[in-house]
Amino acid sequence: MNRTLTVVCLALLVLAAPAAAQTTPFTPDPVDLAAAKREGAVTWYTSTPIGTAQKIANLFQAETGIKVELFRSGGSAVLRRFMQEIDARRVIADVMTISDPAEVITLIKRDLVVPFRPRHFDKIRDEVKDPKGFHVAQRVNLVGIIARTDKGVALPKNWTDLVDPKYKGLMVMPDPSYTAIQLMVIGTLSRKYGWEFYEKLRANEIMIVQSHQQVSETLTRGERLIAAEGADQYSWLDRKAGHKIQTIWPTDGAFAIGAPTAVIKGASHPNAAKALAEFMISDAVQKLLPGEGIYAGRSDVEPPAGNPPLGQIKLISVDYDQIEKDAKNLKTRFNEIYQ
């Protein structure tokens, strides 16, 4: 009887062990806020939309007294500037937030960022963070087809619909040499449908502009009626402003691309850098984002009003490792088609 009881108890302990391991509380890496305040400033390079970025910077400065020097541009442009600083051995950035998970792989390989798992790291969706903390998504960029709904144009249902000649002269999309999100999209769709897809878009006289903001402006002015790749955030803001604009979630899948925040190795303000990186996924910032039309990086934050939860949108899988390897060739091929 005792022997049986002992065996049963041991079996229960073995079964319980994995569960206990899974419920181990997350312990965040520390932030020395006193040291951060002594540093007094932090330089943030980001592709976060400028209005949102400035709000985040103002909130952080109000809470900590630490001044934020902000440089904002498209993700690819931010990376070019940062890599120029690396080559010149004069790095200014302390923290970087960009919409290019593929390029962050390069930064990790080159030992240019440090691992940091701040408070609330455990609430960030697994697919948009590095488990060791080399990067963690501030936000998730949702990308689909954006269209005017008040001009009598038949709405496309999927990406391949866009090659139909009936859309000739009606479309616009951003430039992957400026906008990192577009690089993820062309890297994925060119593998899925071949470069013929982009050649047919070219034959349909698609307009190329720099940024997603310019895509939005082109639609709201009525210069073009369909964004063959558009950021849902701008669509959301345009609808809020009263424009008849809709995000179409393609039946062959939309894109959900994280915007990683990383702390730069050798930063001039290392403690302030960690303080700002932690602030990116704080309640203050994450709950601000939906009101800007942005999906938060944290899974416990609601989507923008009127938008479906992320789990209800069919998504295309992105091979960031492959795009990291192919980035230069992707930009070259795109430019060959559209120049």
C-alpha atoms as a PDB file:
ATOM      1  CA  MET A   1       0.000   0.000   0.000  1.00  0.00           C
ATOM      2  CA  ASN A   2       2.757   2.408   0.976  1.00  0.00           C
ATOM      3  CA  ARG A   3       4.792   1.413  -2.085  1.00  0.00           C
ATOM      4  CA  THR A   4       1.787   2.127  -4.335  1.00  0.00           C
ATOM      5  CA  LEU A   5       1.222   5.489  -2.685  1.00  0.00           C
ATOM      6  CA  THR A   6       4.880   6.410  -3.143  1.00  0.00           C
ATOM      7  CA  VAL A   7       4.815   5.533  -6.859  1.00  0.00           C
ATOM      8  CA  VAL A   8       1.620   7.517  -7.388  1.00  0.00           C
ATOM      9  CA  CYS A   9       3.046  10.541  -5.578  1.00  0.00           C
ATOM     10  CA  LEU A  10       6.237  10.413  -7.649  1.00  0.00           C
ATOM     11  CA  ALA A  11       4.199  10.180 -10.848  1.00  0.00           C
ATOM     12  CA  LEU A  12       2.158  13.192  -9.826  1.00  0.00           C
ATOM     13  CA  LEU A  13       5.333  15.147  -9.124  1.00  0.00           C
ATOM     14  CA  VAL A  14       6.717  14.304 -12.565  1.00  0.00           C
ATOM     15  CA  LEU A  15       3.474  15.370 -14.231  1.00  0.00           C
ATOM     16  CA  ALA A  16       3.339  18.554 -12.211  1.00  0.00           C
ATOM     17  CA  ALA A  17       6.926  19.591 -12.939  1.00  0.00           C
ATOM     18  CA  PRO A  18       6.353  20.942 -16.486  1.00  0.00           C
ATOM     19  CA  ALA A  19       3.262  22.833 -15.369  1.00  0.00           C
ATOM     20  CA  ALA A  20       5.227  24.411 -12.535  1.00  0.00           C
ATOM     21  CA  ALA A  21       7.942  25.432 -14.978  1.00  0.00           C
ATOM     22  CA  GLN A  22       5.371  27.005 -17.271  1.00  0.00           C
ATOM     23  CA  THR A  23       3.909  29.108 -14.498  1.00  0.00           C
ATOM     24  CA  THR A  24       7.242  30.500 -13.294  1.00  0.00           C
ATOM     25  CA  PRO A  25       6.669  34.244 -12.921  1.00  0.00           C
ATOM     26  CA  PHE A  26       8.432  36.443 -15.469  1.00  0.00           C
ATOM     27  CA  THR A  27      11.245  38.494 -13.957  1.00  0.00           C
ATOM     28  CA  PRO A  28      12.003  41.645 -15.965  1.00  0.00           C
ATOM     29  CA  ASP A  29      15.485  43.023 -16.450  1.00  0.00           C
ATOM     30  CA  PRO A  30      16.075  45.992 -14.149  1.00  0.00           C
ATOM     31  CA  VAL A  31      16.109  49.634 -15.207  1.00  0.00           C
ATOM     32  CA  ASP A  32      18.224  52.067 -13.183  1.00  0.00           C
ATOM     33  CA  LEU A  33      15.918  55.060 -13.444  1.00  0.00           C
ATOM     34  CA  ALA A  34      18.090  57.207 -11.175  1.00  0.00           C
ATOM     35  CA  ALA A  35      21.053  56.658 -13.500  1.00  0.00           C
ATOM     36  CA  ALA A  36      18.811  57.306 -16.507  1.00  0.00           C
ATOM     37  CA  LYS A  37      17.750  60.644 -15.037  1.00  0.00           C
ATOM     38  CA  ARG A  38      21.384  61.573 -14.435  1.00  0.00           C
ATOM     39  CA  GLU A  39      22.081  60.911 -18.116  1.00  0.00           C
ATOM     40  CA  GLY A  40      19.270  63.367 -18.779  1.00  0.00           C
ATOM     41  CA  ALA A  41      18.620  62.605 -22.440  1.00  0.00           C
ATOM     42  CA  VAL A  42      18.022  59.780 -24.903  1.00  0.00           C
ATOM     43  CA  THR A  43      18.117  59.690 -28.704  1.00  0.00           C
ATOM     44  CA  TRP A  44      15.341  57.701 -30.363  1.00  0.00           C
ATOM     45  CA  TYR A  45      15.437  56.738 -34.037  1.00  0.00           C
ATOM     46  CA  THR A  46      12.049  55.553 -35.246  1.00  0.00           C
ATOM     47  CA  SER A  47       9.659  54.945 -38.107  1.00  0.00           C
ATOM     48  CA  THR A  48       6.691  55.413 -35.752  1.00  0.00           C
ATOM     49  CA  PRO A  49       4.275  57.903 -37.384  1.00  0.00           C
ATOM     50  CA  ILE A  50       5.501  61.344 -36.380  1.00  0.00           C
ATOM     51  CA  GLY A  51       2.396  62.435 -34.463  1.00  0.00           C
ATOM     52  CA  THR A  52       2.380  59.237 -32.408  1.00  0.00           C
ATOM     53  CA  ALA A  53       6.152  59.336 -31.908  1.00  0.00           C
ATOM     54  CA  GLN A  54       5.982  62.885 -30.578  1.00  0.00           C
ATOM     55  CA  LYS A  55       3.199  61.946 -28.150  1.00  0.00           C
ATOM     56  CA  ILE A  56       5.290  59.034 -26.834  1.00  0.00           C
ATOM     57  CA  ALA A  57       8.343  61.277 -26.465  1.00  0.00           C
ATOM     58  CA  ASN A  58       6.312  63.918 -24.615  1.00  0.00           C
ATOM     59  CA  LEU A  59       4.775  61.331 -22.265  1.00  0.00           C
ATOM     60  CA  PHE A  60       8.180  59.857 -21.445  1.00  0.00           C
ATOM     61  CA  GLN A  61       9.712  63.250 -20.801  1.00  0.00           C
ATOM     62  CA  ALA A  62       6.791  64.293 -18.594  1.00  0.00           C
ATOM     63  CA  GLU A  63       7.045  61.086 -16.549  1.00  0.00           C
ATOM     64  CA  THR A  64      10.837  60.909 -16.178  1.00  0.00           C
ATOM     65  CA  GLY A  65      12.233  64.356 -16.904  1.00  0.00           C
ATOM     66  CA  ILE A  66      14.502  62.766 -19.524  1.00  0.00           C
ATOM     67  CA  LYS A  67      14.662  64.707 -22.798  1.00  0.00           C
ATOM     68  CA  VAL A  68      13.987  62.714 -25.975  1.00  0.00           C
ATOM     69  CA  GLU A  69      15.910  63.650 -29.116  1.00  0.00           C
ATOM     70  CA  LEU A  70      13.692  62.286 -31.876  1.00  0.00           C
ATOM     71  CA  PHE A  71      14.670  61.346 -35.419  1.00  0.00           C
ATOM     72  CA  ARG A  72      11.760  60.061 -37.469  1.00  0.00           C
ATOM     73  CA  SER A  73      11.756  58.758 -41.035  1.00  0.00           C
ATOM     74  CA  GLY A  74      10.738  55.677 -43.016  1.00  0.00           C
ATOM     75  CA  GLY A  75      12.128  52.408 -41.683  1.00  0.00           C
ATOM     76  CA  SER A  76      14.610  51.888 -44.521  1.00  0.00           C
ATOM     77  CA  ALA A  77      15.770  55.504 -44.267  1.00  0.00           C
ATOM     78  CA  VAL A  78      16.242  55.199 -40.489  1.00  0.00           C
ATOM     79  CA  LEU A  79      18.355  52.097 -40.996  1.00  0.00           C
ATOM     80  CA  ARG A  80      20.500  53.762 -43.669  1.00  0.00           C
ATOM     81  CA  ARG A  81      21.287  56.625 -41.310  1.00  0.00           C
ATOM     82  CA  PHE A  82      22.069  54.266 -38.437  1.00  0.00           C
ATOM     83  CA  MET A  83      24.354  52.081 -40.571  1.00  0.00           C
ATOM     84  CA  GLN A  84      26.167  55.185 -41.830  1.00  0.00           C
ATOM     85  CA  GLU A  85      26.827  56.080 -38.201  1.00  0.00           C
ATOM     86  CA  ILE A  86      28.104  52.556 -37.541  1.00  0.00           C
ATOM     87  CA  ASP A  87      30.471  52.779 -40.515  1.00  0.00           C
ATOM     88  CA  ALA A  88      31.681  56.199 -39.337  1.00  0.00           C
ATOM     89  CA  ARG A  89      32.051  54.868 -35.769  1.00  0.00           C
ATOM     90  CA  ARG A  90      29.968  57.756 -34.497  1.00  0.00           C
ATOM     91  CA  VAL A  91      26.667  56.297 -33.320  1.00  0.00           C
ATOM     92  CA  ILE A  92      24.091  58.795 -32.086  1.00  0.00           C
ATOM     93  CA  ALA A  93      21.045  56.543 -31.636  1.00  0.00           C
ATOM     94  CA  ASP A  94      20.385  55.045 -28.195  1.00  0.00           C
ATOM     95  CA  VAL A  95      17.122  53.283 -29.043  1.00  0.00           C
ATOM     96  CA  MET A  96      15.645  52.326 -32.400  1.00  0.00           C
ATOM     97  CA  THR A  97      12.068  51.383 -33.330  1.00  0.00           C
ATOM     98  CA  ILE A  98      11.603  50.328 -36.954  1.00  0.00           C
ATOM     99  CA  SER A  99       9.133  48.292 -38.984  1.00  0.00           C
ATOM    100  CA  ASP A 100      11.803  45.919 -40.264  1.00  0.00           C
ATOM    101  CA  PRO A 101      12.074  42.650 -38.330  1.00  0.00           C
ATOM    102  CA  ALA A 102      14.326  41.291 -41.096  1.00  0.00           C
ATOM    103  CA  GLU A 103      16.966  43.990 -40.680  1.00  0.00           C
ATOM    104  CA  VAL A 104      16.977  43.531 -36.913  1.00  0.00           C
ATOM    105  CA  ILE A 105      18.309  40.034 -37.605  1.00  0.00           C
ATOM    106  CA  THR A 106      21.330  41.715 -39.215  1.00  0.00           C
ATOM    107  CA  LEU A 107      21.764  44.007 -36.215  1.00  0.00           C
ATOM    108  CA  ILE A 108      21.789  40.989 -33.895  1.00  0.00           C
ATOM    109  CA  LYS A 109      24.310  39.143 -36.076  1.00  0.00           C
ATOM    110  CA  ARG A 110      26.586  42.189 -36.076  1.00  0.00           C
ATOM    111  CA  ASP A 111      26.340  42.533 -32.288  1.00  0.00           C
ATOM    112  CA  LEU A 112      24.864  46.037 -32.555  1.00  0.00           C
ATOM    113  CA  VAL A 113      22.000  45.629 -30.077  1.00  0.00           C
ATOM    114  CA  VAL A 114      21.800  44.344 -26.511  1.00  0.00           C
ATOM    115  CA  PRO A 115      19.307  41.880 -25.017  1.00  0.00           C
ATOM    116  CA  PHE A 116      16.777  43.538 -22.734  1.00  0.00           C
ATOM    117  CA  ARG A 117      13.523  42.041 -21.447  1.00  0.00           C
ATOM    118  CA  PRO A 118      11.662  44.900 -19.753  1.00  0.00           C
ATOM    119  CA  ARG A 119       8.552  44.932 -17.631  1.00  0.00           C
ATOM    120  CA  HIS A 120       5.494  43.690 -19.634  1.00  0.00           C
ATOM    121  CA  PHE A 121       7.789  41.748 -22.012  1.00  0.00           C
ATOM    122  CA  ASP A 122       5.740  38.643 -21.196  1.00  0.00           C
ATOM    123  CA  LYS A 123       2.590  40.368 -22.517  1.00  0.00           C
ATOM    124  CA  ILE A 124       4.045  40.981 -25.979  1.00  0.00           C
ATOM    125  CA  ARG A 125       2.891  38.555 -28.664  1.00  0.00           C
ATOM    126  CA  ASP A 126       5.493  35.811 -29.122  1.00  0.00           C
ATOM    127  CA  GLU A 127       5.658  36.284 -32.882  1.00  0.00           C
ATOM    128  CA  VAL A 128       6.801  39.922 -32.582  1.00  0.00           C
ATOM    129  CA  LYS A 129       9.584  39.654 -30.020  1.00  0.00           C
ATOM    130  CA  ASP A 130      12.934  37.944 -29.660  1.00  0.00           C
ATOM    131  CA  PRO A 131      12.824  35.452 -26.758  1.00  0.00           C
ATOM    132  CA  LYS A 132      16.192  36.709 -25.503  1.00  0.00           C
ATOM    133  CA  GLY A 133      15.038  40.312 -25.682  1.00  0.00           C
ATOM    134  CA  PHE A 134      17.178  41.597 -28.545  1.00  0.00           C
ATOM    135  CA  HIS A 135      14.028  43.268 -29.835  1.00  0.00           C
ATOM    136  CA  VAL A 136      10.412  43.656 -28.764  1.00  0.00           C
ATOM    137  CA  ALA A 137       7.563  45.083 -30.831  1.00  0.00           C
ATOM    138  CA  GLN A 138       6.157  48.419 -29.780  1.00  0.00           C
ATOM    139  CA  ARG A 139       3.304  47.931 -32.255  1.00  0.00           C
ATOM    140  CA  VAL A 140       2.066  45.627 -35.006  1.00  0.00           C
ATOM    141  CA  ASN A 141       1.607  47.129 -38.470  1.00  0.00           C
ATOM    142  CA  LEU A 142      -1.426  45.729 -40.291  1.00  0.00           C
ATOM    143  CA  VAL A 143      -1.126  45.909 -44.054  1.00  0.00           C
ATOM    144  CA  GLY A 144      -3.744  45.156 -46.671  1.00  0.00           C
ATOM    145  CA  ILE A 145      -5.391  46.721 -49.701  1.00  0.00           C
ATOM    146  CA  ILE A 146      -6.901  50.175 -49.104  1.00  0.00           C
ATOM    147  CA  ALA A 147      -9.647  51.530 -51.340  1.00  0.00           C
ATOM    148  CA  ARG A 148     -11.969  54.480 -51.841  1.00  0.00           C
ATOM    149  CA  THR A 149     -15.543  53.257 -51.522  1.00  0.00           C
ATOM    150  CA  ASP A 150     -17.301  56.315 -52.978  1.00  0.00           C
ATOM    151  CA  LYS A 151     -16.027  56.235 -56.563  1.00  0.00           C
ATOM    152  CA  GLY A 152     -17.889  53.256 -57.993  1.00  0.00           C
ATOM    153  CA  VAL A 153     -14.806  51.072 -58.377  1.00  0.00           C
ATOM    154  CA  ALA A 154     -15.246  47.309 -57.911  1.00  0.00           C
ATOM    155  CA  LEU A 155     -13.264  46.414 -54.809  1.00  0.00           C
ATOM    156  CA  PRO A 156     -10.517  43.790 -55.141  1.00  0.00           C
ATOM    157  CA  LYS A 157     -10.749  40.782 -52.847  1.00  0.00           C
ATOM    158  CA  ASN A 158      -7.182  39.520 -52.935  1.00  0.00           C
ATOM    159  CA  TRP A 159      -3.682  40.569 -53.995  1.00  0.00           C
ATOM    160  CA  THR A 160      -3.849  38.913 -57.408  1.00  0.00           C
ATOM    161  CA  ASP A 161      -7.030  40.812 -58.313  1.00  0.00           C
ATOM    162  CA  LEU A 162      -4.850  43.924 -58.574  1.00  0.00           C
ATOM    163  CA  VAL A 163      -3.319  42.824 -61.883  1.00  0.00           C
ATOM    164  CA  ASP A 164      -6.738  43.090 -63.577  1.00  0.00           C
ATOM    165  CA  PRO A 165      -6.574  45.762 -66.326  1.00  0.00           C
ATOM    166  CA  LYS A 166      -9.725  47.390 -64.910  1.00  0.00           C
ATOM    167  CA  TYR A 167      -7.503  48.877 -62.178  1.00  0.00           C
ATOM    168  CA  LYS A 168      -5.124  50.474 -64.674  1.00  0.00           C
ATOM    169  CA  GLY A 169      -4.193  53.992 -63.610  1.00  0.00           C
ATOM    170  CA  LEU A 170      -6.081  53.704 -60.317  1.00  0.00           C
ATOM    171  CA  MET A 171      -3.432  52.335 -57.935  1.00  0.00           C
ATOM    172  CA  VAL A 172      -0.631  53.577 -55.682  1.00  0.00           C
ATOM    173  CA  MET A 173       1.891  51.904 -53.367  1.00  0.00           C
ATOM    174  CA  PRO A 174       4.989  52.901 -51.346  1.00  0.00           C
ATOM    175  CA  ASP A 175       8.670  52.482 -52.180  1.00  0.00           C
ATOM    176  CA  PRO A 176      10.576  49.661 -50.408  1.00  0.00           C
ATOM    177  CA  SER A 177      13.763  51.742 -50.503  1.00  0.00           C
ATOM    178  CA  TYR A 178      12.063  54.156 -48.084  1.00  0.00           C
ATOM    179  CA  THR A 179       9.403  52.080 -46.341  1.00  0.00           C
ATOM    180  CA  ALA A 180      10.619  48.901 -44.659  1.00  0.00           C
ATOM    181  CA  ILE A 181       7.111  47.435 -44.416  1.00  0.00           C
ATOM    182  CA  GLN A 182       6.859  47.458 -48.207  1.00  0.00           C
ATOM    183  CA  LEU A 183      10.128  45.511 -48.373  1.00  0.00           C
ATOM    184  CA  MET A 184       8.519  42.766 -46.263  1.00  0.00           C
ATOM    185  CA  VAL A 185       5.499  42.775 -48.577  1.00  0.00           C
ATOM    186  CA  ILE A 186       7.373  42.601 -51.887  1.00  0.00           C
ATOM    187  CA  GLY A 187       9.767  40.014 -50.453  1.00  0.00           C
ATOM    188  CA  THR A 188       6.802  37.811 -49.585  1.00  0.00           C
ATOM    189  CA  LEU A 189       4.503  38.392 -52.562  1.00  0.00           C
ATOM    190  CA  SER A 190       7.321  38.091 -55.115  1.00  0.00           C
ATOM    191  CA  ARG A 191       8.097  34.626 -53.719  1.00  0.00           C
ATOM    192  CA  LYS A 192       4.413  33.688 -53.556  1.00  0.00           C
ATOM    193  CA  TYR A 193       3.342  34.981 -56.972  1.00  0.00           C
ATOM    194  CA  GLY A 194       6.635  35.658 -58.767  1.00  0.00           C
ATOM    195  CA  TRP A 195       8.006  38.969 -60.018  1.00  0.00           C
ATOM    196  CA  GLU A 196       5.435  38.719 -62.800  1.00  0.00           C
ATOM    197  CA  PHE A 197       2.949  40.036 -60.224  1.00  0.00           C
ATOM    198  CA  TYR A 198       4.897  43.297 -59.902  1.00  0.00           C
ATOM    199  CA  GLU A 199       5.522  43.496 -63.641  1.00  0.00           C
ATOM    200  CA  LYS A 200       1.758  43.352 -64.191  1.00  0.00           C
ATOM    201  CA  LEU A 201       1.220  46.070 -61.579  1.00  0.00           C
ATOM    202  CA  ARG A 202       3.733  48.177 -63.508  1.00  0.00           C
ATOM    203  CA  ALA A 203       1.773  47.523 -66.703  1.00  0.00           C
ATOM    204  CA  ASN A 204      -1.301  48.750 -64.804  1.00  0.00           C
ATOM    205  CA  GLU A 205       0.458  52.118 -64.407  1.00  0.00           C
ATOM    206  CA  ILE A 206       0.670  51.971 -60.625  1.00  0.00           C
ATOM    207  CA  MET A 207       2.002  55.112 -58.943  1.00  0.00           C
ATOM    208  CA  ILE A 208       4.995  54.774 -56.571  1.00  0.00           C
ATOM    209  CA  VAL A 209       5.316  57.211 -53.650  1.00  0.00           C
ATOM    210  CA  GLN A 210       7.717  57.214 -50.721  1.00  0.00           C
ATOM    211  CA  SER A 211       5.660  56.481 -47.654  1.00  0.00           C
ATOM    212  CA  HIS A 212       2.390  55.104 -46.330  1.00  0.00           C
ATOM    213  CA  GLN A 213       1.421  58.632 -45.343  1.00  0.00           C
ATOM    214  CA  GLN A 214       1.820  59.701 -48.967  1.00  0.00           C
ATOM    215  CA  VAL A 215      -0.243  56.698 -50.043  1.00  0.00           C
ATOM    216  CA  SER A 216      -2.981  57.936 -47.712  1.00  0.00           C
ATOM    217  CA  GLU A 217      -2.775  61.494 -49.037  1.00  0.00           C
ATOM    218  CA  THR A 218      -2.938  60.250 -52.637  1.00  0.00           C
ATOM    219  CA  LEU A 219      -6.161  58.383 -51.850  1.00  0.00           C
ATOM    220  CA  THR A 220      -7.839  61.149 -49.871  1.00  0.00           C
ATOM    221  CA  ARG A 221      -7.093  63.667 -52.639  1.00  0.00           C
ATOM    222  CA  GLY A 222      -8.625  61.267 -55.155  1.00  0.00           C
ATOM    223  CA  GLU A 223      -5.486  61.070 -57.312  1.00  0.00           C
ATOM    224  CA  ARG A 224      -5.663  57.279 -57.039  1.00  0.00           C
ATOM    225  CA  LEU A 225      -8.445  55.075 -55.675  1.00  0.00           C
ATOM    226  CA  ILE A 226      -6.697  51.892 -54.516  1.00  0.00           C
ATOM    227  CA  ALA A 227      -3.561  51.299 -52.472  1.00  0.00           C
ATOM    228  CA  ALA A 228      -2.039  48.057 -53.707  1.00  0.00           C
ATOM    229  CA  GLU A 229      -0.250  47.997 -50.361  1.00  0.00           C
ATOM    230  CA  GLY A 230      -1.501  50.257 -47.612  1.00  0.00           C
ATOM    231  CA  ALA A 231      -1.134  50.606 -43.861  1.00  0.00           C
ATOM    232  CA  ASP A 232      -4.390  50.100 -41.989  1.00  0.00           C
ATOM    233  CA  GLN A 233      -3.455  52.785 -39.477  1.00  0.00           C
ATOM    234  CA  TYR A 234      -3.774  55.525 -42.093  1.00  0.00           C
ATOM    235  CA  SER A 235      -6.976  53.982 -43.432  1.00  0.00           C
ATOM    236  CA  TRP A 236      -8.386  54.047 -39.880  1.00  0.00           C
ATOM    237  CA  LEU A 237      -7.391  57.682 -39.386  1.00  0.00           C
ATOM    238  CA  ASP A 238      -8.825  58.659 -42.773  1.00  0.00           C
ATOM    239  CA  ARG A 239     -12.156  57.026 -41.931  1.00  0.00           C
ATOM    240  CA  LYS A 240     -12.152  58.831 -38.595  1.00  0.00           C
ATOM    241  CA  ALA A 241     -11.672  62.092 -40.507  1.00  0.00           C
ATOM    242  CA  GLY A 242     -14.755  61.291 -42.600  1.00  0.00           C
ATOM    243  CA  HIS A 243     -13.211  59.903 -45.775  1.00  0.00           C
ATOM    244  CA  LYS A 244     -14.913  57.003 -47.567  1.00  0.00           C
ATOM    245  CA  ILE A 245     -11.986  54.631 -47.309  1.00  0.00           C
ATOM    246  CA  GLN A 246     -11.873  50.937 -46.440  1.00  0.00           C
ATOM    247  CA  THR A 247      -9.193  48.444 -45.515  1.00  0.00           C
ATOM    248  CA  ILE A 248      -9.647  45.208 -47.441  1.00  0.00           C
ATOM    249  CA  TRP A 249      -8.191  42.157 -45.725  1.00  0.00           C
ATOM    250  CA  PRO A 250      -7.182  40.043 -48.753  1.00  0.00           C
ATOM    251  CA  THR A 251      -8.563  36.526 -48.893  1.00  0.00           C
ATOM    252  CA  ASP A 252      -5.027  35.286 -49.558  1.00  0.00           C
ATOM    253  CA  GLY A 253      -3.834  36.984 -46.380  1.00  0.00           C
ATOM    254  CA  ALA A 254      -2.965  40.372 -44.918  1.00  0.00           C
ATOM    255  CA  PHE A 255       0.351  41.261 -43.285  1.00  0.00           C
ATOM    256  CA  ALA A 256       1.001  41.793 -39.573  1.00  0.00           C
ATOM    257  CA  ILE A 257       4.520  43.156 -39.248  1.00  0.00           C
ATOM    258  CA  GLY A 258       5.981  43.981 -35.866  1.00  0.00           C
ATOM    259  CA  ALA A 259       7.830  47.232 -35.232  1.00  0.00           C
ATOM    260  CA  PRO A 260      10.770  46.102 -33.090  1.00  0.00           C
ATOM    261  CA  THR A 261      12.351  48.327 -30.478  1.00  0.00           C
ATOM    262  CA  ALA A 262      16.002  47.579 -29.766  1.00  0.00           C
ATOM    263  CA  VAL A 263      18.557  49.083 -27.389  1.00  0.00           C
ATOM    264  CA  ILE A 264      21.773  50.001 -29.206  1.00  0.00           C
ATOM    265  CA  LYS A 265      24.997  48.461 -27.935  1.00  0.00           C
ATOM    266  CA  GLY A 266      27.421  51.116 -26.723  1.00  0.00           C
ATOM    267  CA  ALA A 267      24.657  53.729 -26.483  1.00  0.00           C
ATOM    268  CA  SER A 268      25.729  57.102 -25.107  1.00  0.00           C
ATOM    269  CA  HIS A 269      22.793  56.988 -22.685  1.00  0.00           C
ATOM    270  CA  PRO A 270      22.485  53.270 -21.834  1.00  0.00           C
ATOM    271  CA  ASN A 271      20.233  53.612 -18.807  1.00  0.00           C
ATOM    272  CA  ALA A 272      17.935  56.160 -20.433  1.00  0.00           C
ATOM    273  CA  ALA A 273      17.814  53.863 -23.480  1.00  0.00           C
ATOM    274  CA  LYS A 274      16.504  50.996 -21.369  1.00  0.00           C
ATOM    275  CA  ALA A 275      14.061  53.302 -19.601  1.00  0.00           C
ATOM    276  CA  LEU A 276      12.613  54.433 -22.944  1.00  0.00           C
ATOM    277  CA  ALA A 277      12.541  50.883 -24.343  1.00  0.00           C
ATOM    278  CA  GLU A 278      10.585  49.763 -21.280  1.00  0.00           C
ATOM    279  CA  PHE A 279       8.255  52.750 -21.617  1.00  0.00           C
ATOM    280  CA  MET A 280       7.392  51.646 -25.177  1.00  0.00           C
ATOM    281  CA  ILE A 281       5.449  48.670 -23.843  1.00  0.00           C
ATOM    282  CA  SER A 282       4.057  50.366 -20.741  1.00  0.00           C
ATOM    283  CA  ASP A 283       0.333  50.840 -20.185  1.00  0.00           C
ATOM    284  CA  ALA A 284       0.703  54.525 -21.077  1.00  0.00           C
ATOM    285  CA  VAL A 285       2.025  53.857 -24.576  1.00  0.00           C
ATOM    286  CA  GLN A 286       0.272  50.604 -25.419  1.00  0.00           C
ATOM    287  CA  LYS A 287      -3.153  52.006 -24.526  1.00  0.00           C
ATOM    288  CA  LEU A 288      -2.395  55.165 -26.506  1.00  0.00           C
ATOM    289  CA  LEU A 289      -1.806  53.230 -29.729  1.00  0.00           C
ATOM    290  CA  PRO A 290      -5.357  51.999 -30.528  1.00  0.00           C
ATOM    291  CA  GLY A 291      -6.570  55.603 -30.426  1.00  0.00           C
ATOM    292  CA  GLU A 292      -4.010  56.303 -33.151  1.00  0.00           C
ATOM    293  CA  GLY A 293      -5.369  53.463 -35.295  1.00  0.00           C
ATOM    294  CA  ILE A 294      -2.494  51.162 -34.327  1.00  0.00           C
ATOM    295  CA  TYR A 295      -2.500  47.560 -33.109  1.00  0.00           C
ATOM    296  CA  ALA A 296      -0.477  47.396 -29.885  1.00  0.00           C
ATOM    297  CA  GLY A 297       2.419  44.994 -29.447  1.00  0.00           C
ATOM    298  CA  ARG A 298       0.836  43.680 -26.255  1.00  0.00           C
ATOM    299  CA  SER A 299      -1.769  40.948 -26.546  1.00  0.00           C
ATOM    300  CA  ASP A 300      -3.812  42.334 -23.633  1.00  0.00           C
ATOM    301  CA  VAL A 301      -4.660  45.605 -25.416  1.00  0.00           C
ATOM    302  CA  GLU A 302      -7.809  45.960 -27.540  1.00  0.00           C
ATOM    303  CA  PRO A 303      -7.541  46.685 -31.299  1.00  0.00           C
ATOM    304  CA  PRO A 304      -8.435  50.105 -32.712  1.00  0.00           C
ATOM    305  CA  ALA A 305     -12.168  50.810 -32.421  1.00  0.00           C
ATOM    306  CA  GLY A 306     -14.141  49.103 -35.175  1.00  0.00           C
ATOM    307  CA  ASN A 307     -11.267  46.864 -36.225  1.00  0.00           C
ATOM    308  CA  PRO A 308     -11.220  43.070 -35.854  1.00  0.00           C
ATOM    309  CA  PRO A 309      -8.932  41.447 -33.285  1.00  0.00           C
ATOM    310  CA  LEU A 310      -5.655  40.307 -34.793  1.00  0.00           C
ATOM    311  CA  GLY A 311      -6.633  36.668 -34.355  1.00  0.00           C
ATOM    312  CA  GLN A 312      -9.636  37.120 -36.664  1.00  0.00           C
ATOM    313  CA  ILE A 313      -7.592  38.350 -39.643  1.00  0.00           C
ATOM    314  CA  LYS A 314      -6.122  35.836 -42.085  1.00  0.00           C
ATOM    315  CA  LEU A 315      -2.402  36.558 -42.260  1.00  0.00           C
ATOM    316  CA  ILE A 316       0.418  35.724 -44.647  1.00  0.00           C
ATOM    317  CA  SER A 317       3.517  34.239 -43.042  1.00  0.00           C
ATOM    318  CA  VAL A 318       6.666  36.319 -43.605  1.00  0.00           C
ATOM    319  CA  ASP A 319      10.099  34.669 -43.791  1.00  0.00           C
ATOM    320  CA  TYR A 320      12.190  37.407 -42.186  1.00  0.00           C
ATOM    321  CA  ASP A 321      15.398  35.376 -42.368  1.00  0.00           C
ATOM    322  CA  GLN A 322      15.011  35.025 -46.133  1.00  0.00           C
ATOM    323  CA  ILE A 323      14.154  38.709 -46.585  1.00  0.00           C
ATOM    324  CA  GLU A 324      17.206  39.671 -44.515  1.00  0.00           C
ATOM    325  CA  LYS A 325      19.371  37.706 -46.965  1.00  0.00           C
ATOM    326  CA  ASP A 326      17.568  39.017 -50.059  1.00  0.00           C
ATOM    327  CA  ALA A 327      16.997  42.676 -49.072  1.00  0.00           C
ATOM    328  CA  LYS A 328      19.492  44.256 -51.467  1.00  0.00           C
ATOM    329  CA  ASN A 329      18.397  42.110 -54.411  1.00  0.00           C
ATOM    330  CA  LEU A 330      14.718  42.781 -53.669  1.00  0.00           C
ATOM    331  CA  LYS A 331      15.238  46.544 -53.834  1.00  0.00           C
ATOM    332  CA  THR A 332      17.336  46.232 -56.983  1.00  0.00           C
ATOM    333  CA  ARG A 333      14.749  44.089 -58.779  1.00  0.00           C
ATOM    334  CA  PHE A 334      11.904  46.388 -57.722  1.00  0.00           C
ATOM    335  CA  ASN A 335      13.788  49.422 -59.043  1.00  0.00           C
ATOM    336  CA  GLU A 336      14.512  47.636 -62.326  1.00  0.00           C
ATOM    337  CA  ILE A 337      10.788  47.115 -62.840  1.00  0.00           C
ATOM    338  CA  TYR A 338       9.614  50.585 -61.818  1.00  0.00           C
ATOM    339  CA  GLN A 339      12.316  52.885 -63.166  1.00  0.00           C
END
